[in-house]
């Protein structure tokens, strides 16, 4: 079974070097670790420590691609909000020069303002190797502002 490297940074960790490198886990164990975290408590700790951050980073040991979920303590909503950053490359077309020329732009899959369920679903896609699903979802978020 495929193994992933897991690193968790809690608010009391003052720098990224203080994060806990927990070792290698299978996908089901990673999801169990994610579910075991009391995210509300992490949110309160982040607010108390003003500027502290909680991150949950998973790295595929085969491809070295990673996904980092960060808890957003300053979300406008009362619900938990997550930010997902990754090093999963995606090439997106970008219209330029009055829409006449289309250039290709290299970007990385990232999401903001994810709910707990959305964050878990995207993590699950990553763990199951469904990178195309992540890329398609990212492309959809890029298109939304232009539909107005």
C-alpha atoms as a PDB file:
ATOM      1  CA  UNK A   1       0.000   0.000   0.000  1.00  0.00           C
ATOM      2  CA  UNK A   2       1.148   3.536  -0.768  1.00  0.00           C
ATOM      3  CA  UNK A   3       2.770   5.523   2.045  1.00  0.00           C
ATOM      4  CA  UNK A   4       2.585   9.230   2.781  1.00  0.00           C
ATOM      5  CA  UNK A   5       4.686  11.426   5.012  1.00  0.00           C
ATOM      6  CA  UNK A   6       2.676  13.406   7.563  1.00  0.00           C
ATOM      7  CA  UNK A   7       3.692  16.621   9.287  1.00  0.00           C
ATOM      8  CA  UNK A   8       1.440  18.573  11.654  1.00  0.00           C
ATOM      9  CA  UNK A   9       2.164  22.055  12.949  1.00  0.00           C
ATOM     10  CA  UNK A  10       0.126  23.207  15.942  1.00  0.00           C
ATOM     11  CA  UNK A  11      -0.263  26.846  17.057  1.00  0.00           C
ATOM     12  CA  UNK A  12       2.265  26.396  19.876  1.00  0.00           C
ATOM     13  CA  UNK A  13       4.966  25.557  17.304  1.00  0.00           C
ATOM     14  CA  UNK A  14       6.610  28.911  16.762  1.00  0.00           C
ATOM     15  CA  UNK A  15       8.262  28.110  13.437  1.00  0.00           C
ATOM     16  CA  UNK A  16       7.843  25.608  10.615  1.00  0.00           C
ATOM     17  CA  UNK A  17      10.914  23.762  11.893  1.00  0.00           C
ATOM     18  CA  UNK A  18       9.002  22.984  15.111  1.00  0.00           C
ATOM     19  CA  UNK A  19       6.319  21.007  13.262  1.00  0.00           C
ATOM     20  CA  UNK A  20       5.834  17.386  14.234  1.00  0.00           C
ATOM     21  CA  UNK A  21       7.063  15.001  11.529  1.00  0.00           C
ATOM     22  CA  UNK A  22       4.927  12.027  12.454  1.00  0.00           C
ATOM     23  CA  UNK A  23       6.343   9.551   9.938  1.00  0.00           C
ATOM     24  CA  UNK A  24       4.953   7.398   7.144  1.00  0.00           C
ATOM     25  CA  UNK A  25       1.294   6.371   7.032  1.00  0.00           C
ATOM     26  CA  UNK A  26      -1.203   4.765   4.684  1.00  0.00           C
ATOM     27  CA  UNK A  27      -4.070   6.879   3.343  1.00  0.00           C
ATOM     28  CA  UNK A  28      -6.629   5.574   5.855  1.00  0.00           C
ATOM     29  CA  UNK A  29      -4.290   6.405   8.736  1.00  0.00           C
ATOM     30  CA  UNK A  30      -3.776   9.934   7.372  1.00  0.00           C
ATOM     31  CA  UNK A  31      -7.542  10.494   7.249  1.00  0.00           C
ATOM     32  CA  UNK A  32      -7.868   9.125  10.792  1.00  0.00           C
ATOM     33  CA  UNK A  33      -5.195  11.578  11.979  1.00  0.00           C
ATOM     34  CA  UNK A  34      -7.034  14.441  10.234  1.00  0.00           C
ATOM     35  CA  UNK A  35     -10.342  13.428  11.825  1.00  0.00           C
ATOM     36  CA  UNK A  36      -8.747  13.051  15.272  1.00  0.00           C
ATOM     37  CA  UNK A  37      -7.680  16.697  15.418  1.00  0.00           C
ATOM     38  CA  UNK A  38     -10.001  18.937  17.407  1.00  0.00           C
ATOM     39  CA  UNK A  39     -10.086  21.734  14.833  1.00  0.00           C
ATOM     40  CA  UNK A  40     -12.213  24.033  17.017  1.00  0.00           C
ATOM     41  CA  UNK A  41      -9.612  23.813  19.785  1.00  0.00           C
ATOM     42  CA  UNK A  42      -6.882  24.536  17.227  1.00  0.00           C
ATOM     43  CA  UNK A  43      -8.855  27.594  16.092  1.00  0.00           C
ATOM     44  CA  UNK A  44      -9.113  28.903  19.664  1.00  0.00           C
ATOM     45  CA  UNK A  45      -5.384  28.298  20.208  1.00  0.00           C
ATOM     46  CA  UNK A  46      -4.553  30.176  17.018  1.00  0.00           C
ATOM     47  CA  UNK A  47      -6.635  33.158  18.120  1.00  0.00           C
ATOM     48  CA  UNK A  48      -5.074  33.124  21.601  1.00  0.00           C
ATOM     49  CA  UNK A  49      -1.557  32.993  20.182  1.00  0.00           C
ATOM     50  CA  UNK A  50      -2.248  35.792  17.664  1.00  0.00           C
ATOM     51  CA  UNK A  51      -0.622  34.886  14.395  1.00  0.00           C
ATOM     52  CA  UNK A  52       0.033  31.232  15.148  1.00  0.00           C
ATOM     53  CA  UNK A  53      -1.030  28.710  12.540  1.00  0.00           C
ATOM     54  CA  UNK A  54      -2.138  25.089  12.315  1.00  0.00           C
ATOM     55  CA  UNK A  55      -1.054  23.130   9.243  1.00  0.00           C
ATOM     56  CA  UNK A  56      -1.577  19.543   8.155  1.00  0.00           C
ATOM     57  CA  UNK A  57       0.932  18.584   5.443  1.00  0.00           C
ATOM     58  CA  UNK A  58       0.862  15.308   3.535  1.00  0.00           C
ATOM     59  CA  UNK A  59       3.617  14.348   1.084  1.00  0.00           C
ATOM     60  CA  UNK A  60       3.421  11.479  -1.400  1.00  0.00           C
ATOM     61  CA  UNK A  61       6.684   9.571  -0.914  1.00  0.00           C
ATOM     62  CA  UNK A  62       6.696   8.355  -4.549  1.00  0.00           C
ATOM     63  CA  UNK A  63       6.080  11.639  -6.394  1.00  0.00           C
ATOM     64  CA  UNK A  64       7.173  14.070  -3.632  1.00  0.00           C
ATOM     65  CA  UNK A  65       3.996  16.079  -4.294  1.00  0.00           C
ATOM     66  CA  UNK A  66       2.395  17.535  -1.213  1.00  0.00           C
ATOM     67  CA  UNK A  67      -0.805  19.102   0.041  1.00  0.00           C
ATOM     68  CA  UNK A  68      -0.853  21.534   2.956  1.00  0.00           C
ATOM     69  CA  UNK A  69      -4.110  22.344   4.728  1.00  0.00           C
ATOM     70  CA  UNK A  70      -4.007  25.463   6.906  1.00  0.00           C
ATOM     71  CA  UNK A  71      -6.703  26.503   9.343  1.00  0.00           C
ATOM     72  CA  UNK A  72      -7.822  30.098   8.761  1.00  0.00           C
ATOM     73  CA  UNK A  73      -8.424  31.662  12.175  1.00  0.00           C
ATOM     74  CA  UNK A  74      -9.618  34.947  10.699  1.00  0.00           C
ATOM     75  CA  UNK A  75     -12.398  33.647   8.482  1.00  0.00           C
ATOM     76  CA  UNK A  76     -15.430  35.903   8.066  1.00  0.00           C
ATOM     77  CA  UNK A  77     -17.668  32.913   8.756  1.00  0.00           C
ATOM     78  CA  UNK A  78     -18.415  31.235  12.091  1.00  0.00           C
ATOM     79  CA  UNK A  79     -17.574  27.912  10.454  1.00  0.00           C
ATOM     80  CA  UNK A  80     -14.095  26.427  10.245  1.00  0.00           C
ATOM     81  CA  UNK A  81     -12.286  27.591   7.114  1.00  0.00           C
ATOM     82  CA  UNK A  82      -9.256  25.978   5.527  1.00  0.00           C
ATOM     83  CA  UNK A  83      -6.767  26.954   2.871  1.00  0.00           C
ATOM     84  CA  UNK A  84      -5.215  24.273   0.675  1.00  0.00           C
ATOM     85  CA  UNK A  85      -1.814  24.810  -0.940  1.00  0.00           C
ATOM     86  CA  UNK A  86      -0.025  22.243  -3.046  1.00  0.00           C
ATOM     87  CA  UNK A  87       2.814  21.759  -5.469  1.00  0.00           C
ATOM     88  CA  UNK A  88       0.537  20.037  -7.978  1.00  0.00           C
ATOM     89  CA  UNK A  89       1.238  21.837 -11.246  1.00  0.00           C
ATOM     90  CA  UNK A  90      -1.511  22.858 -13.606  1.00  0.00           C
ATOM     91  CA  UNK A  91      -1.318  24.662 -16.937  1.00  0.00           C
ATOM     92  CA  UNK A  92      -4.153  27.132 -17.433  1.00  0.00           C
ATOM     93  CA  UNK A  93      -4.948  29.173 -20.535  1.00  0.00           C
ATOM     94  CA  UNK A  94      -4.839  32.910 -19.955  1.00  0.00           C
ATOM     95  CA  UNK A  95      -6.349  35.269 -22.521  1.00  0.00           C
ATOM     96  CA  UNK A  96      -4.322  38.339 -23.246  1.00  0.00           C
ATOM     97  CA  UNK A  97      -4.310  41.254 -25.686  1.00  0.00           C
ATOM     98  CA  UNK A  98      -8.056  41.896 -25.800  1.00  0.00           C
ATOM     99  CA  UNK A  99      -8.815  38.179 -25.870  1.00  0.00           C
ATOM    100  CA  UNK A 100      -7.006  37.610 -29.171  1.00  0.00           C
ATOM    101  CA  UNK A 101      -3.975  35.709 -27.890  1.00  0.00           C
ATOM    102  CA  UNK A 102      -4.135  32.811 -25.463  1.00  0.00           C
ATOM    103  CA  UNK A 103      -1.058  32.158 -23.367  1.00  0.00           C
ATOM    104  CA  UNK A 104      -0.444  29.178 -21.129  1.00  0.00           C
ATOM    105  CA  UNK A 105       0.143  29.968 -17.494  1.00  0.00           C
ATOM    106  CA  UNK A 106       1.771  27.524 -15.031  1.00  0.00           C
ATOM    107  CA  UNK A 107       0.031  27.517 -11.675  1.00  0.00           C
ATOM    108  CA  UNK A 108      -0.378  25.278  -8.637  1.00  0.00           C
ATOM    109  CA  UNK A 109      -3.601  23.817  -7.266  1.00  0.00           C
ATOM    110  CA  UNK A 110      -4.768  25.906  -4.301  1.00  0.00           C
ATOM    111  CA  UNK A 111      -8.080  26.678  -2.624  1.00  0.00           C
ATOM    112  CA  UNK A 112      -9.235  29.212  -0.046  1.00  0.00           C
ATOM    113  CA  UNK A 113     -12.210  29.230   2.316  1.00  0.00           C
ATOM    114  CA  UNK A 114     -12.822  25.478   2.335  1.00  0.00           C
ATOM    115  CA  UNK A 115     -15.177  23.969   4.884  1.00  0.00           C
ATOM    116  CA  UNK A 116     -13.980  21.053   7.012  1.00  0.00           C
ATOM    117  CA  UNK A 117     -15.852  18.616   4.738  1.00  0.00           C
ATOM    118  CA  UNK A 118     -14.406  20.158   1.572  1.00  0.00           C
ATOM    119  CA  UNK A 119     -10.881  20.100   3.017  1.00  0.00           C
ATOM    120  CA  UNK A 120     -11.282  16.436   3.952  1.00  0.00           C
ATOM    121  CA  UNK A 121     -12.687  15.598   0.503  1.00  0.00           C
ATOM    122  CA  UNK A 122      -9.747  17.272  -1.278  1.00  0.00           C
ATOM    123  CA  UNK A 123      -7.314  15.508   1.053  1.00  0.00           C
ATOM    124  CA  UNK A 124      -9.045  12.224   0.220  1.00  0.00           C
ATOM    125  CA  UNK A 125      -8.722  12.932  -3.531  1.00  0.00           C
ATOM    126  CA  UNK A 126      -4.995  13.535  -3.063  1.00  0.00           C
ATOM    127  CA  UNK A 127      -4.558  10.344  -1.039  1.00  0.00           C
ATOM    128  CA  UNK A 128      -6.433   8.315  -3.660  1.00  0.00           C
ATOM    129  CA  UNK A 129      -4.271   9.707  -6.464  1.00  0.00           C
ATOM    130  CA  UNK A 130      -7.196  11.613  -7.996  1.00  0.00           C
ATOM    131  CA  UNK A 131      -5.079  14.603  -8.987  1.00  0.00           C
ATOM    132  CA  UNK A 132      -7.192  15.268 -12.095  1.00  0.00           C
ATOM    133  CA  UNK A 133     -10.222  15.786  -9.840  1.00  0.00           C
ATOM    134  CA  UNK A 134      -8.256  18.364  -7.838  1.00  0.00           C
ATOM    135  CA  UNK A 135      -7.102  20.076 -11.032  1.00  0.00           C
ATOM    136  CA  UNK A 136     -10.646  20.164 -12.441  1.00  0.00           C
ATOM    137  CA  UNK A 137     -11.985  21.650  -9.199  1.00  0.00           C
ATOM    138  CA  UNK A 138      -9.247  24.276  -9.286  1.00  0.00           C
ATOM    139  CA  UNK A 139     -10.062  25.169 -12.905  1.00  0.00           C
ATOM    140  CA  UNK A 140     -13.709  25.557 -11.891  1.00  0.00           C
ATOM    141  CA  UNK A 141     -12.769  28.047  -9.160  1.00  0.00           C
ATOM    142  CA  UNK A 142     -10.736  30.034 -11.697  1.00  0.00           C
ATOM    143  CA  UNK A 143     -13.718  30.270 -14.040  1.00  0.00           C
ATOM    144  CA  UNK A 144     -16.267  31.376 -11.418  1.00  0.00           C
ATOM    145  CA  UNK A 145     -15.302  35.085 -11.232  1.00  0.00           C
ATOM    146  CA  UNK A 146     -15.592  35.411 -15.013  1.00  0.00           C
ATOM    147  CA  UNK A 147     -19.152  34.040 -15.121  1.00  0.00           C
ATOM    148  CA  UNK A 148     -20.691  37.083 -13.408  1.00  0.00           C
END
